[in-house]
Protein backbone atom coordinates (compact mmCIF):
# COMPACT_ATOMS: atom_id res chain seq x y z
CA MET A 1 -11.67 -47.47 -10.33
CA THR A 2 -14.25 -46.30 -12.82
CA ALA A 3 -14.47 -42.74 -14.06
CA ARG A 4 -16.96 -41.03 -11.79
CA GLY A 5 -15.76 -37.48 -11.37
CA LEU A 6 -15.55 -34.73 -13.92
CA LEU A 7 -13.15 -31.96 -14.79
CA ILE A 8 -15.14 -29.22 -16.51
CA VAL A 9 -13.24 -26.48 -18.30
CA LEU A 10 -15.00 -23.50 -19.89
CA SER A 11 -13.14 -21.25 -22.32
CA ASP A 12 -13.33 -18.90 -25.28
CA PRO A 13 -11.05 -18.36 -28.23
CA ALA A 14 -8.88 -15.24 -28.07
CA GLN A 15 -10.26 -12.06 -29.62
CA GLY A 16 -9.56 -12.14 -33.35
CA ALA A 17 -8.26 -15.72 -33.25
CA ASP A 18 -9.17 -18.24 -35.93
CA GLU A 19 -11.96 -20.18 -34.21
CA ASP A 20 -11.42 -23.22 -36.43
CA GLU A 21 -7.76 -23.32 -35.35
CA PHE A 22 -8.80 -22.92 -31.70
CA ASN A 23 -11.14 -25.91 -32.03
CA ARG A 24 -8.57 -27.96 -33.94
CA TRP A 25 -5.91 -27.32 -31.29
CA TYR A 26 -8.25 -27.99 -28.37
CA SER A 27 -9.84 -31.16 -29.81
CA ALA A 28 -6.78 -32.66 -31.54
CA VAL A 29 -3.92 -31.52 -29.28
CA HIS A 30 -4.84 -30.23 -25.84
CA ALA A 31 -7.72 -32.46 -24.74
CA PRO A 32 -6.08 -35.70 -25.97
CA GLU A 33 -2.93 -34.63 -24.14
CA MET A 34 -4.90 -34.54 -20.87
CA VAL A 35 -5.92 -38.16 -21.48
CA GLU A 36 -2.40 -39.21 -22.51
CA ARG A 37 -0.96 -37.65 -19.35
CA GLY A 38 -3.35 -39.69 -17.18
CA ALA A 39 -5.49 -36.79 -15.98
CA ALA A 40 -8.66 -38.11 -17.62
CA VAL A 41 -10.00 -41.25 -19.23
CA SER A 42 -12.07 -39.48 -21.89
CA PHE A 43 -13.32 -36.07 -22.97
CA ARG A 44 -16.10 -34.33 -24.86
CA ARG A 45 -16.20 -30.79 -26.20
CA LEU A 46 -19.35 -28.75 -26.45
CA HIS A 47 -20.36 -25.30 -27.69
CA ALA A 48 -22.93 -23.11 -25.92
CA SER A 49 -26.25 -22.80 -27.70
CA GLY A 50 -26.45 -19.05 -27.19
CA VAL A 51 -29.92 -19.36 -25.64
CA PRO A 52 -29.89 -17.75 -22.17
CA LEU A 53 -31.10 -19.90 -19.28
CA ALA A 54 -32.92 -16.99 -17.66
CA PRO A 55 -32.67 -13.20 -17.43
CA GLY A 56 -29.95 -12.04 -15.06
CA ILE A 57 -27.88 -15.22 -15.22
CA PRO A 58 -24.48 -14.26 -16.65
CA GLU A 59 -23.19 -15.99 -19.75
CA LEU A 60 -20.32 -18.40 -19.37
CA PRO A 61 -17.53 -18.94 -21.90
CA SER A 62 -18.71 -20.41 -25.20
CA TYR A 63 -16.88 -23.74 -25.10
CA ALA A 64 -16.86 -26.56 -22.57
CA ALA A 65 -14.44 -29.45 -22.29
CA VAL A 66 -15.84 -32.19 -20.07
CA TYR A 67 -13.27 -34.74 -18.97
CA GLU A 68 -14.22 -37.96 -17.21
CA ILE A 69 -11.79 -38.56 -14.37
CA GLU A 70 -11.14 -41.50 -12.08
CA ALA A 71 -11.91 -39.66 -8.87
CA ASP A 72 -14.32 -40.16 -6.02
CA THR A 73 -12.44 -38.17 -3.36
CA VAL A 74 -10.38 -35.03 -2.92
CA GLU A 75 -7.35 -37.31 -2.52
CA ASP A 76 -8.04 -38.76 -5.97
CA VAL A 77 -8.14 -35.24 -7.43
CA GLU A 78 -4.88 -34.37 -5.67
CA ALA A 79 -3.33 -37.49 -7.23
CA ILE A 80 -4.47 -36.28 -10.66
CA GLN A 81 -2.89 -32.89 -10.00
CA GLN A 82 0.33 -34.64 -8.97
CA ARG A 83 0.24 -36.75 -12.16
CA LEU A 84 -0.12 -33.57 -14.21
CA ASP A 85 2.82 -32.03 -12.39
CA GLU A 86 4.94 -35.16 -12.91
CA THR A 87 4.13 -35.24 -16.64
CA LYS A 88 4.47 -31.52 -17.37
CA HIS A 89 7.48 -32.34 -19.58
CA LEU A 90 4.94 -33.92 -21.96
CA LYS A 91 2.97 -30.67 -22.37
CA ARG A 92 2.66 -29.54 -25.96
CA GLY A 93 2.04 -25.95 -24.94
CA MET A 94 -0.88 -23.58 -25.01
CA SER A 95 -2.21 -22.10 -28.20
CA SER A 96 -2.33 -18.36 -28.77
CA THR A 97 -5.90 -18.98 -29.96
CA LEU A 98 -7.00 -19.62 -26.34
CA ASP A 99 -8.12 -16.66 -24.25
CA LEU A 100 -6.57 -17.68 -20.93
CA SER A 101 -8.50 -14.96 -19.10
CA SER A 102 -11.77 -16.68 -20.09
CA VAL A 103 -10.88 -20.07 -18.61
CA ARG A 104 -13.02 -21.32 -15.73
CA ALA A 105 -12.42 -24.84 -14.43
CA ALA A 106 -13.26 -27.15 -11.56
CA PHE A 107 -13.02 -30.79 -10.58
CA TYR A 108 -16.42 -32.24 -9.66
CA LEU A 109 -16.91 -35.31 -7.48
CA PRO A 110 -19.96 -37.55 -7.08
CA VAL A 111 -22.48 -36.54 -4.44
CA GLY A 112 -23.44 -39.22 -1.95
């Protein structure tokens, strides 16, 4: 199967956290771990431009992690969740630089 779905995770660093350390941890530890554990085949990280889309549209967290996943169906996503559960012993832990309350995430599947 080719990577067709996406896991998109939005987040911010914790208040007062070293943003460079947050980015180092996310890009060098956490995101590669998701690939190593079989949840994704690749990832990209992006930072919001700070330019609002339009008045009245709320801002989202500043950082996005976009993971390509091998998923076309809900069953495929459930299998990824199971893989993450089965490999939780490989987790390297969360960083105190991540504001967990800012995290927004969803699995996205192809339309049509």
